[in-house]
All heavy atoms as atom14 arrays in JSON, in Angstrom:
{
  "sequence": "HSIRETYIPDLPEPYRGKVRDVYNLSDNKIAIIATDRISAFDHILK",
  "atom14_mask": [
    [1, 1, 1, 1, 1, 1, 1, 1, 1, 1, 0, 0, 0, 0],
    [1, 1, 1, 1, 1, 1, 0, 0, 0, 0, 0, 0, 0, 0],
    [1, 1, 1, 1, 1, 1, 1, 1, 0, 0, 0, 0, 0, 0],
    [1, 1, 1, 1, 1, 1, 1, 1, 1, 1, 1, 0, 0, 0],
    [1, 1, 1, 1, 1, 1, 1, 1, 1, 0, 0, 0, 0, 0],
    [1, 1, 1, 1, 1, 1, 1, 0, 0, 0, 0, 0, 0, 0],
    [1, 1, 1, 1, 1, 1, 1, 1, 1, 1, 1, 1, 0, 0],
    [1, 1, 1, 1, 1, 1, 1, 1, 0, 0, 0, 0, 0, 0],
    [1, 1, 1, 1, 1, 1, 1, 0, 0, 0, 0, 0, 0, 0],
    [1, 1, 1, 1, 1, 1, 1, 1, 0, 0, 0, 0, 0, 0],
    [1, 1, 1, 1, 1, 1, 1, 1, 0, 0, 0, 0, 0, 0],
    [1, 1, 1, 1, 1, 1, 1, 0, 0, 0, 0, 0, 0, 0],
    [1, 1, 1, 1, 1, 1, 1, 1, 1, 0, 0, 0, 0, 0],
    [1, 1, 1, 1, 1, 1, 1, 0, 0, 0, 0, 0, 0, 0],
    [1, 1, 1, 1, 1, 1, 1, 1, 1, 1, 1, 1, 0, 0],
    [1, 1, 1, 1, 1, 1, 1, 1, 1, 1, 1, 0, 0, 0],
    [1, 1, 1, 1, 0, 0, 0, 0, 0, 0, 0, 0, 0, 0],
    [1, 1, 1, 1, 1, 1, 1, 1, 1, 0, 0, 0, 0, 0],
    [1, 1, 1, 1, 1, 1, 1, 0, 0, 0, 0, 0, 0, 0],
    [1, 1, 1, 1, 1, 1, 1, 1, 1, 1, 1, 0, 0, 0],
    [1, 1, 1, 1, 1, 1, 1, 1, 0, 0, 0, 0, 0, 0],
    [1, 1, 1, 1, 1, 1, 1, 0, 0, 0, 0, 0, 0, 0],
    [1, 1, 1, 1, 1, 1, 1, 1, 1, 1, 1, 1, 0, 0],
    [1, 1, 1, 1, 1, 1, 1, 1, 0, 0, 0, 0, 0, 0],
    [1, 1, 1, 1, 1, 1, 1, 1, 0, 0, 0, 0, 0, 0],
    [1, 1, 1, 1, 1, 1, 0, 0, 0, 0, 0, 0, 0, 0],
    [1, 1, 1, 1, 1, 1, 1, 1, 0, 0, 0, 0, 0, 0],
    [1, 1, 1, 1, 1, 1, 1, 1, 0, 0, 0, 0, 0, 0],
    [1, 1, 1, 1, 1, 1, 1, 1, 1, 0, 0, 0, 0, 0],
    [1, 1, 1, 1, 1, 1, 1, 1, 0, 0, 0, 0, 0, 0],
    [1, 1, 1, 1, 1, 0, 0, 0, 0, 0, 0, 0, 0, 0],
    [1, 1, 1, 1, 1, 1, 1, 1, 0, 0, 0, 0, 0, 0],
    [1, 1, 1, 1, 1, 1, 1, 1, 0, 0, 0, 0, 0, 0],
    [1, 1, 1, 1, 1, 0, 0, 0, 0, 0, 0, 0, 0, 0],
    [1, 1, 1, 1, 1, 1, 1, 0, 0, 0, 0, 0, 0, 0],
    [1, 1, 1, 1, 1, 1, 1, 1, 0, 0, 0, 0, 0, 0],
    [1, 1, 1, 1, 1, 1, 1, 1, 1, 1, 1, 0, 0, 0],
    [1, 1, 1, 1, 1, 1, 1, 1, 0, 0, 0, 0, 0, 0],
    [1, 1, 1, 1, 1, 1, 0, 0, 0, 0, 0, 0, 0, 0],
    [1, 1, 1, 1, 1, 0, 0, 0, 0, 0, 0, 0, 0, 0],
    [1, 1, 1, 1, 1, 1, 1, 1, 1, 1, 1, 0, 0, 0],
    [1, 1, 1, 1, 1, 1, 1, 1, 0, 0, 0, 0, 0, 0],
    [1, 1, 1, 1, 1, 1, 1, 1, 1, 1, 0, 0, 0, 0],
    [1, 1, 1, 1, 1, 1, 1, 1, 0, 0, 0, 0, 0, 0],
    [1, 1, 1, 1, 1, 1, 1, 1, 0, 0, 0, 0, 0, 0],
    [1, 1, 1, 1, 1, 1, 1, 1, 1, 0, 0, 0, 0, 0]
  ],
  "atom14_positions": [
    [[-8.97, 129.81, 141.96], [-8.43, 130.58, 143.05], [-7.22, 129.82, 143.71], [-6.79, 130.2, 144.85], [-9.47, 130.93, 144.12], [-10.52, 131.83, 143.61], [-10.3, 133.22, 143.4], [-11.81, 131.68, 143.24], [-11.38, 133.77, 142.94], [-12.3, 132.89, 142.88], [0.0, 0.0, 0.0], [0.0, 0.0, 0.0], [0.0, 0.0, 0.0], [0.0, 0.0, 0.0]],
    [[-6.69, 128.82, 143.05], [-5.56, 128.1, 143.6], [-4.36, 129.05, 143.7], [-4.18, 129.93, 142.91], [-5.22, 126.9, 142.76], [-6.36, 126.02, 142.67], [0.0, 0.0, 0.0], [0.0, 0.0, 0.0], [0.0, 0.0, 0.0], [0.0, 0.0, 0.0], [0.0, 0.0, 0.0], [0.0, 0.0, 0.0], [0.0, 0.0, 0.0], [0.0, 0.0, 0.0]],
    [[-3.52, 128.88, 144.74], [-2.37, 129.67, 145.02], [-1.2, 129.07, 144.3], [-0.61, 128.13, 144.8], [-2.11, 129.81, 146.53], [-3.39, 130.35, 147.23], [-0.94, 130.65, 146.8], [-3.32, 130.23, 148.72], [0.0, 0.0, 0.0], [0.0, 0.0, 0.0], [0.0, 0.0, 0.0], [0.0, 0.0, 0.0], [0.0, 0.0, 0.0], [0.0, 0.0, 0.0]],
    [[-0.79, 129.67, 143.18], [0.39, 129.18, 142.51], [1.69, 129.75, 143.09], [2.65, 129.09, 143.24], [0.3, 129.44, 141.01], [1.56, 128.95, 140.26], [1.37, 128.68, 138.83], [2.63, 128.22, 138.23], [3.09, 127.0, 138.2], [2.35, 126.02, 138.77], [4.26, 126.68, 137.66], [0.0, 0.0, 0.0], [0.0, 0.0, 0.0], [0.0, 0.0, 0.0]],
    [[1.67, 131.06, 143.43], [2.79, 131.68, 144.05], [2.26, 132.87, 144.84], [1.2, 133.38, 144.64], [3.93, 132.01, 143.12], [3.6, 133.1, 142.11], [4.76, 133.38, 141.24], [5.62, 132.5, 141.01], [4.81, 134.55, 140.73], [0.0, 0.0, 0.0], [0.0, 0.0, 0.0], [0.0, 0.0, 0.0], [0.0, 0.0, 0.0], [0.0, 0.0, 0.0]],
    [[3.13, 133.33, 145.77], [2.7, 134.54, 146.58], [3.68, 135.7, 146.23], [4.77, 135.45, 145.81], [2.79, 134.2, 148.08], [4.14, 133.82, 148.42], [1.86, 133.07, 148.42], [0.0, 0.0, 0.0], [0.0, 0.0, 0.0], [0.0, 0.0, 0.0], [0.0, 0.0, 0.0], [0.0, 0.0, 0.0], [0.0, 0.0, 0.0], [0.0, 0.0, 0.0]],
    [[3.18, 136.86, 146.51], [3.95, 138.1, 146.28], [3.53, 139.1, 147.31], [2.36, 139.5, 147.38], [3.76, 138.61, 144.9], [4.45, 139.94, 144.64], [5.88, 140.02, 144.61], [3.77, 141.16, 144.52], [6.54, 141.19, 144.41], [4.43, 142.4, 144.36], [5.81, 142.4, 144.3], [6.47, 143.58, 144.16], [0.0, 0.0, 0.0], [0.0, 0.0, 0.0]],
    [[4.58, 139.57, 148.1], [4.32, 140.61, 149.07], [5.28, 141.76, 148.88], [6.51, 141.57, 149.06], [4.51, 139.99, 150.53], [3.52, 138.8, 150.74], [4.28, 141.11, 151.54], [3.7, 138.17, 152.05], [0.0, 0.0, 0.0], [0.0, 0.0, 0.0], [0.0, 0.0, 0.0], [0.0, 0.0, 0.0], [0.0, 0.0, 0.0], [0.0, 0.0, 0.0]],
    [[4.85, 142.87, 148.38], [5.7, 143.91, 147.95], [6.64, 144.45, 149.07], [7.68, 144.99, 148.86], [4.79, 145.05, 147.43], [3.4, 144.7, 147.97], [3.37, 143.16, 148.13], [0.0, 0.0, 0.0], [0.0, 0.0, 0.0], [0.0, 0.0, 0.0], [0.0, 0.0, 0.0], [0.0, 0.0, 0.0], [0.0, 0.0, 0.0], [0.0, 0.0, 0.0]],
    [[6.17, 144.39, 150.37], [6.98, 144.98, 151.45], [8.03, 143.97, 151.94], [8.84, 144.42, 152.8], [6.01, 145.24, 152.63], [5.03, 146.41, 152.33], [5.23, 147.09, 151.3], [4.03, 146.55, 153.06], [0.0, 0.0, 0.0], [0.0, 0.0, 0.0], [0.0, 0.0, 0.0], [0.0, 0.0, 0.0], [0.0, 0.0, 0.0], [0.0, 0.0, 0.0]],
    [[8.11, 142.81, 151.37], [9.13, 141.9, 151.83], [10.04, 141.46, 150.67], [9.63, 141.54, 149.5], [8.5, 140.55, 152.35], [7.74, 140.69, 153.67], [7.1, 139.35, 154.03], [8.73, 141.15, 154.78], [0.0, 0.0, 0.0], [0.0, 0.0, 0.0], [0.0, 0.0, 0.0], [0.0, 0.0, 0.0], [0.0, 0.0, 0.0], [0.0, 0.0, 0.0]],
    [[11.3, 141.06, 150.91], [12.15, 140.64, 149.84], [11.54, 139.44, 149.13], [10.72, 138.7, 149.71], [13.47, 140.26, 150.57], [13.36, 140.95, 151.92], [11.96, 141.08, 152.26], [0.0, 0.0, 0.0], [0.0, 0.0, 0.0], [0.0, 0.0, 0.0], [0.0, 0.0, 0.0], [0.0, 0.0, 0.0], [0.0, 0.0, 0.0], [0.0, 0.0, 0.0]],
    [[11.94, 139.28, 147.89], [11.5, 138.09, 147.14], [11.73, 136.84, 147.92], [12.86, 136.57, 148.44], [12.21, 138.11, 145.78], [11.72, 137.01, 144.79], [10.39, 137.38, 144.16], [9.93, 138.52, 144.29], [9.83, 136.46, 143.47], [0.0, 0.0, 0.0], [0.0, 0.0, 0.0], [0.0, 0.0, 0.0], [0.0, 0.0, 0.0], [0.0, 0.0, 0.0]],
    [[10.74, 135.96, 148.0], [10.91, 134.74, 148.74], [11.78, 133.69, 147.98], [11.89, 133.76, 146.77], [9.52, 134.22, 148.97], [8.78, 134.7, 147.72], [9.39, 136.07, 147.38], [0.0, 0.0, 0.0], [0.0, 0.0, 0.0], [0.0, 0.0, 0.0], [0.0, 0.0, 0.0], [0.0, 0.0, 0.0], [0.0, 0.0, 0.0], [0.0, 0.0, 0.0]],
    [[12.3, 132.7, 148.67], [12.84, 131.59, 148.11], [11.65, 130.67, 147.66], [10.78, 130.39, 148.49], [13.75, 130.76, 149.04], [14.07, 129.36, 148.57], [14.94, 129.16, 147.59], [13.36, 128.27, 149.07], [15.2, 127.87, 147.07], [13.61, 127.0, 148.65], [14.52, 126.79, 147.64], [14.78, 125.52, 147.14], [0.0, 0.0, 0.0], [0.0, 0.0, 0.0]],
    [[11.63, 130.33, 146.39], [10.5, 129.48, 145.95], [10.97, 128.03, 145.66], [11.78, 127.82, 144.79], [9.89, 130.13, 144.64], [9.38, 131.55, 144.8], [8.62, 132.03, 143.62], [8.36, 133.46, 143.69], [7.4, 134.04, 144.35], [6.53, 133.29, 145.04], [7.26, 135.36, 144.33], [0.0, 0.0, 0.0], [0.0, 0.0, 0.0], [0.0, 0.0, 0.0]],
    [[10.51, 127.14, 146.5], [10.8, 125.74, 146.26], [9.81, 125.14, 145.35], [9.03, 125.84, 144.68], [0.0, 0.0, 0.0], [0.0, 0.0, 0.0], [0.0, 0.0, 0.0], [0.0, 0.0, 0.0], [0.0, 0.0, 0.0], [0.0, 0.0, 0.0], [0.0, 0.0, 0.0], [0.0, 0.0, 0.0], [0.0, 0.0, 0.0], [0.0, 0.0, 0.0]],
    [[9.74, 123.83, 145.31], [8.82, 123.12, 144.46], [7.38, 123.44, 144.85], [6.44, 123.59, 144.03], [9.09, 121.63, 144.46], [10.4, 121.26, 143.81], [10.49, 119.72, 143.76], [11.83, 119.3, 143.13], [12.92, 119.39, 144.16], [0.0, 0.0, 0.0], [0.0, 0.0, 0.0], [0.0, 0.0, 0.0], [0.0, 0.0, 0.0], [0.0, 0.0, 0.0]],
    [[7.18, 123.53, 146.24], [5.79, 123.72, 146.7], [5.68, 124.98, 147.58], [4.66, 125.61, 147.56], [5.38, 122.49, 147.55], [4.12, 122.71, 148.23], [5.32, 121.25, 146.58], [0.0, 0.0, 0.0], [0.0, 0.0, 0.0], [0.0, 0.0, 0.0], [0.0, 0.0, 0.0], [0.0, 0.0, 0.0], [0.0, 0.0, 0.0], [0.0, 0.0, 0.0]],
    [[6.7, 125.29, 148.29], [6.64, 126.33, 149.31], [7.38, 127.64, 148.87], [8.44, 127.63, 148.25], [7.22, 125.85, 150.63], [6.36, 124.72, 151.21], [7.13, 124.0, 152.32], [6.32, 122.95, 152.86], [6.22, 121.73, 152.33], [6.95, 121.46, 151.25], [5.49, 120.8, 152.86], [0.0, 0.0, 0.0], [0.0, 0.0, 0.0], [0.0, 0.0, 0.0]],
    [[6.75, 128.79, 149.28], [7.43, 130.08, 149.22], [7.93, 130.4, 150.66], [7.14, 130.34, 151.63], [6.51, 131.18, 148.73], [6.12, 131.02, 147.28], [6.71, 130.18, 146.6], [5.22, 131.74, 146.83], [0.0, 0.0, 0.0], [0.0, 0.0, 0.0], [0.0, 0.0, 0.0], [0.0, 0.0, 0.0], [0.0, 0.0, 0.0], [0.0, 0.0, 0.0]],
    [[9.22, 130.76, 150.81], [9.78, 130.97, 152.09], [10.25, 132.43, 152.22], [11.12, 132.86, 151.49], [10.95, 130.05, 152.35], [11.55, 130.23, 153.77], [10.53, 128.56, 152.22], [0.0, 0.0, 0.0], [0.0, 0.0, 0.0], [0.0, 0.0, 0.0], [0.0, 0.0, 0.0], [0.0, 0.0, 0.0], [0.0, 0.0, 0.0], [0.0, 0.0, 0.0]],
    [[9.69, 133.12, 153.22], [10.06, 134.5, 153.49], [10.87, 134.62, 154.76], [10.59, 134.03, 155.79], [8.81, 135.38, 153.68], [7.93, 135.54, 152.44], [6.94, 134.62, 152.09], [8.13, 136.63, 151.56], [6.19, 134.77, 150.95], [7.34, 136.8, 150.42], [6.43, 135.87, 150.11], [5.63, 136.07, 149.0], [0.0, 0.0, 0.0], [0.0, 0.0, 0.0]],
    [[11.98, 135.42, 154.69], [12.76, 135.76, 155.84], [12.02, 136.84, 156.61], [11.72, 137.92, 156.09], [14.13, 136.25, 155.41], [15.02, 135.12, 155.07], [15.14, 134.17, 155.82], [15.77, 135.26, 153.98], [0.0, 0.0, 0.0], [0.0, 0.0, 0.0], [0.0, 0.0, 0.0], [0.0, 0.0, 0.0], [0.0, 0.0, 0.0], [0.0, 0.0, 0.0]],
    [[11.77, 136.55, 157.93], [11.14, 137.56, 158.79], [12.11, 138.21, 159.66], [11.92, 139.35, 160.1], [10.02, 136.86, 159.62], [8.9, 136.17, 158.85], [7.91, 135.52, 159.76], [8.19, 137.17, 157.9], [0.0, 0.0, 0.0], [0.0, 0.0, 0.0], [0.0, 0.0, 0.0], [0.0, 0.0, 0.0], [0.0, 0.0, 0.0], [0.0, 0.0, 0.0]],
    [[13.14, 137.47, 160.13], [14.2, 138.08, 161.0], [15.41, 137.16, 160.89], [15.45, 136.2, 160.07], [13.71, 138.09, 162.46], [13.52, 136.74, 162.93], [0.0, 0.0, 0.0], [0.0, 0.0, 0.0], [0.0, 0.0, 0.0], [0.0, 0.0, 0.0], [0.0, 0.0, 0.0], [0.0, 0.0, 0.0], [0.0, 0.0, 0.0], [0.0, 0.0, 0.0]],
    [[16.39, 137.38, 161.71], [17.62, 136.56, 161.67], [17.37, 135.13, 162.01], [18.15, 134.24, 161.64], [18.7, 137.16, 162.56], [19.27, 138.47, 162.0], [19.1, 138.71, 160.79], [19.87, 139.19, 162.75], [0.0, 0.0, 0.0], [0.0, 0.0, 0.0], [0.0, 0.0, 0.0], [0.0, 0.0, 0.0], [0.0, 0.0, 0.0], [0.0, 0.0, 0.0]],
    [[16.33, 134.89, 162.79], [16.07, 133.49, 163.29], [14.69, 132.99, 163.0], [14.27, 132.03, 163.6], [16.39, 133.41, 164.78], [15.58, 134.37, 165.62], [14.66, 135.01, 165.11], [15.87, 134.45, 166.87], [0.0, 0.0, 0.0], [0.0, 0.0, 0.0], [0.0, 0.0, 0.0], [0.0, 0.0, 0.0], [0.0, 0.0, 0.0], [0.0, 0.0, 0.0]],
    [[13.89, 133.69, 162.13], [12.51, 133.28, 161.96], [12.19, 133.44, 160.45], [12.56, 134.37, 159.77], [11.62, 134.19, 162.8], [10.16, 133.72, 162.9], [9.35, 134.72, 163.62], [9.87, 134.92, 165.08], [9.04, 135.91, 165.76], [0.0, 0.0, 0.0], [0.0, 0.0, 0.0], [0.0, 0.0, 0.0], [0.0, 0.0, 0.0], [0.0, 0.0, 0.0]],
    [[11.42, 132.43, 159.97], [10.95, 132.46, 158.6], [9.43, 132.15, 158.53], [8.92, 131.6, 159.48], [11.71, 131.43, 157.69], [11.59, 130.01, 158.27], [13.19, 131.8, 157.53], [12.18, 128.93, 157.41], [0.0, 0.0, 0.0], [0.0, 0.0, 0.0], [0.0, 0.0, 0.0], [0.0, 0.0, 0.0], [0.0, 0.0, 0.0], [0.0, 0.0, 0.0]],
    [[8.84, 132.5, 157.43], [7.43, 132.14, 157.15], [7.5, 131.2, 155.94], [8.0, 131.5, 154.91], [6.63, 133.38, 156.84], [0.0, 0.0, 0.0], [0.0, 0.0, 0.0], [0.0, 0.0, 0.0], [0.0, 0.0, 0.0], [0.0, 0.0, 0.0], [0.0, 0.0, 0.0], [0.0, 0.0, 0.0], [0.0, 0.0, 0.0], [0.0, 0.0, 0.0]],
    [[6.9, 129.96, 156.17], [6.84, 129.0, 155.12], [5.42, 128.94, 154.62], [4.48, 128.6, 155.35], [7.31, 127.63, 155.62], [8.71, 127.68, 156.22], [7.22, 126.56, 154.5], [9.14, 126.42, 156.94], [0.0, 0.0, 0.0], [0.0, 0.0, 0.0], [0.0, 0.0, 0.0], [0.0, 0.0, 0.0], [0.0, 0.0, 0.0], [0.0, 0.0, 0.0]],
    [[5.25, 129.31, 153.32], [3.92, 129.35, 152.71], [3.71, 128.14, 151.84], [4.4, 127.96, 150.85], [3.66, 130.62, 151.89], [4.28, 131.84, 152.67], [2.24, 130.79, 151.55], [3.74, 132.05, 154.05], [0.0, 0.0, 0.0], [0.0, 0.0, 0.0], [0.0, 0.0, 0.0], [0.0, 0.0, 0.0], [0.0, 0.0, 0.0], [0.0, 0.0, 0.0]],
    [[2.77, 127.26, 152.22], [2.44, 126.11, 151.39], [1.5, 126.53, 150.33], [0.31, 126.82, 150.56], [1.83, 124.99, 152.3], [0.0, 0.0, 0.0], [0.0, 0.0, 0.0], [0.0, 0.0, 0.0], [0.0, 0.0, 0.0], [0.0, 0.0, 0.0], [0.0, 0.0, 0.0], [0.0, 0.0, 0.0], [0.0, 0.0, 0.0], [0.0, 0.0, 0.0]],
    [[1.99, 126.61, 149.1], [1.21, 127.01, 147.94], [0.48, 125.72, 147.46], [0.56, 124.66, 148.03], [2.02, 127.56, 146.82], [2.79, 126.5, 146.23], [2.98, 128.66, 147.32], [0.0, 0.0, 0.0], [0.0, 0.0, 0.0], [0.0, 0.0, 0.0], [0.0, 0.0, 0.0], [0.0, 0.0, 0.0], [0.0, 0.0, 0.0], [0.0, 0.0, 0.0]],
    [[-0.3, 125.9, 146.34], [-1.02, 124.82, 145.78], [-0.27, 124.18, 144.58], [-0.81, 123.37, 143.83], [-2.4, 125.21, 145.32], [-3.26, 125.68, 146.52], [-3.09, 125.11, 147.56], [-4.11, 126.59, 146.31], [0.0, 0.0, 0.0], [0.0, 0.0, 0.0], [0.0, 0.0, 0.0], [0.0, 0.0, 0.0], [0.0, 0.0, 0.0], [0.0, 0.0, 0.0]],
    [[1.04, 124.56, 144.43], [1.86, 123.94, 143.41], [1.97, 122.42, 143.67], [1.99, 121.97, 144.83], [3.22, 124.58, 143.33], [3.25, 126.05, 143.01], [4.61, 126.55, 142.61], [5.56, 126.53, 143.74], [5.8, 127.56, 144.54], [5.11, 128.71, 144.37], [6.67, 127.56, 145.5], [0.0, 0.0, 0.0], [0.0, 0.0, 0.0], [0.0, 0.0, 0.0]],
    [[2.14, 121.69, 142.62], [2.46, 120.24, 142.74], [3.62, 119.88, 141.83], [3.69, 120.4, 140.73], [1.17, 119.39, 142.53], [1.37, 117.94, 142.92], [0.73, 119.48, 141.05], [0.14, 117.12, 143.02], [0.0, 0.0, 0.0], [0.0, 0.0, 0.0], [0.0, 0.0, 0.0], [0.0, 0.0, 0.0], [0.0, 0.0, 0.0], [0.0, 0.0, 0.0]],
    [[4.46, 118.99, 142.3], [5.62, 118.59, 141.52], [5.63, 117.12, 141.29], [5.03, 116.38, 142.13], [6.93, 119.12, 142.16], [7.16, 118.36, 143.38], [0.0, 0.0, 0.0], [0.0, 0.0, 0.0], [0.0, 0.0, 0.0], [0.0, 0.0, 0.0], [0.0, 0.0, 0.0], [0.0, 0.0, 0.0], [0.0, 0.0, 0.0], [0.0, 0.0, 0.0]],
    [[6.31, 116.68, 140.28], [6.5, 115.26, 140.05], [7.77, 115.1, 139.18], [8.01, 115.9, 138.3], [5.34, 114.6, 139.35], [0.0, 0.0, 0.0], [0.0, 0.0, 0.0], [0.0, 0.0, 0.0], [0.0, 0.0, 0.0], [0.0, 0.0, 0.0], [0.0, 0.0, 0.0], [0.0, 0.0, 0.0], [0.0, 0.0, 0.0], [0.0, 0.0, 0.0]],
    [[8.6, 114.12, 139.48], [9.87, 113.89, 138.79], [10.67, 115.18, 138.83], [11.29, 115.58, 137.84], [9.67, 113.45, 137.38], [8.91, 112.1, 137.24], [7.67, 111.97, 136.71], [9.61, 110.97, 137.71], [7.04, 110.79, 136.59], [8.95, 109.68, 137.58], [7.64, 109.66, 137.07], [0.0, 0.0, 0.0], [0.0, 0.0, 0.0], [0.0, 0.0, 0.0]],
    [[10.6, 115.9, 139.94], [11.45, 117.14, 140.2], [11.08, 118.26, 139.2], [11.85, 119.13, 139.03], [12.88, 116.83, 140.09], [13.44, 115.96, 141.22], [12.99, 116.17, 142.38], [14.17, 115.0, 140.95], [0.0, 0.0, 0.0], [0.0, 0.0, 0.0], [0.0, 0.0, 0.0], [0.0, 0.0, 0.0], [0.0, 0.0, 0.0], [0.0, 0.0, 0.0]],
    [[9.86, 118.21, 138.68], [9.3, 119.27, 137.84], [8.04, 119.85, 138.48], [7.18, 119.09, 138.91], [8.98, 118.78, 136.43], [10.22, 118.66, 135.55], [11.18, 117.75, 135.74], [10.57, 119.38, 134.43], [12.1, 117.87, 134.81], [11.77, 118.82, 133.98], [0.0, 0.0, 0.0], [0.0, 0.0, 0.0], [0.0, 0.0, 0.0], [0.0, 0.0, 0.0]],
    [[7.96, 121.13, 138.49], [6.67, 121.78, 138.98], [5.66, 121.73, 137.82], [5.95, 122.24, 136.73], [6.93, 123.21, 139.46], [7.97, 123.22, 140.61], [5.58, 123.88, 139.88], [8.38, 124.63, 141.02], [0.0, 0.0, 0.0], [0.0, 0.0, 0.0], [0.0, 0.0, 0.0], [0.0, 0.0, 0.0], [0.0, 0.0, 0.0], [0.0, 0.0, 0.0]],
    [[4.5, 121.17, 138.07], [3.49, 121.07, 137.01], [2.78, 122.42, 136.93], [2.67, 123.19, 137.91], [2.51, 119.97, 137.35], [3.14, 118.61, 137.59], [2.08, 117.54, 137.84], [4.04, 118.16, 136.44], [0.0, 0.0, 0.0], [0.0, 0.0, 0.0], [0.0, 0.0, 0.0], [0.0, 0.0, 0.0], [0.0, 0.0, 0.0], [0.0, 0.0, 0.0]],
    [[2.35, 122.78, 135.74], [1.84, 124.16, 135.46], [0.54, 124.44, 136.28], [0.4, 125.56, 136.75], [1.61, 124.33, 134.01], [1.25, 125.72, 133.62], [1.14, 125.93, 132.1], [0.79, 127.34, 131.72], [0.61, 127.52, 130.28], [0.0, 0.0, 0.0], [0.0, 0.0, 0.0], [0.0, 0.0, 0.0], [0.0, 0.0, 0.0], [0.0, 0.0, 0.0]]
  ]
}
């Protein structure tokens, strides 16, 4: 049940960083979702 990525159909596709999915909520507010992804040497491990 680990969270590799998130998907919310009512919102635009998030920016996906190495670990976090970032959703725009308004002009001055974002939601930062800490997933269970892990990276090393700038690569996201599967």
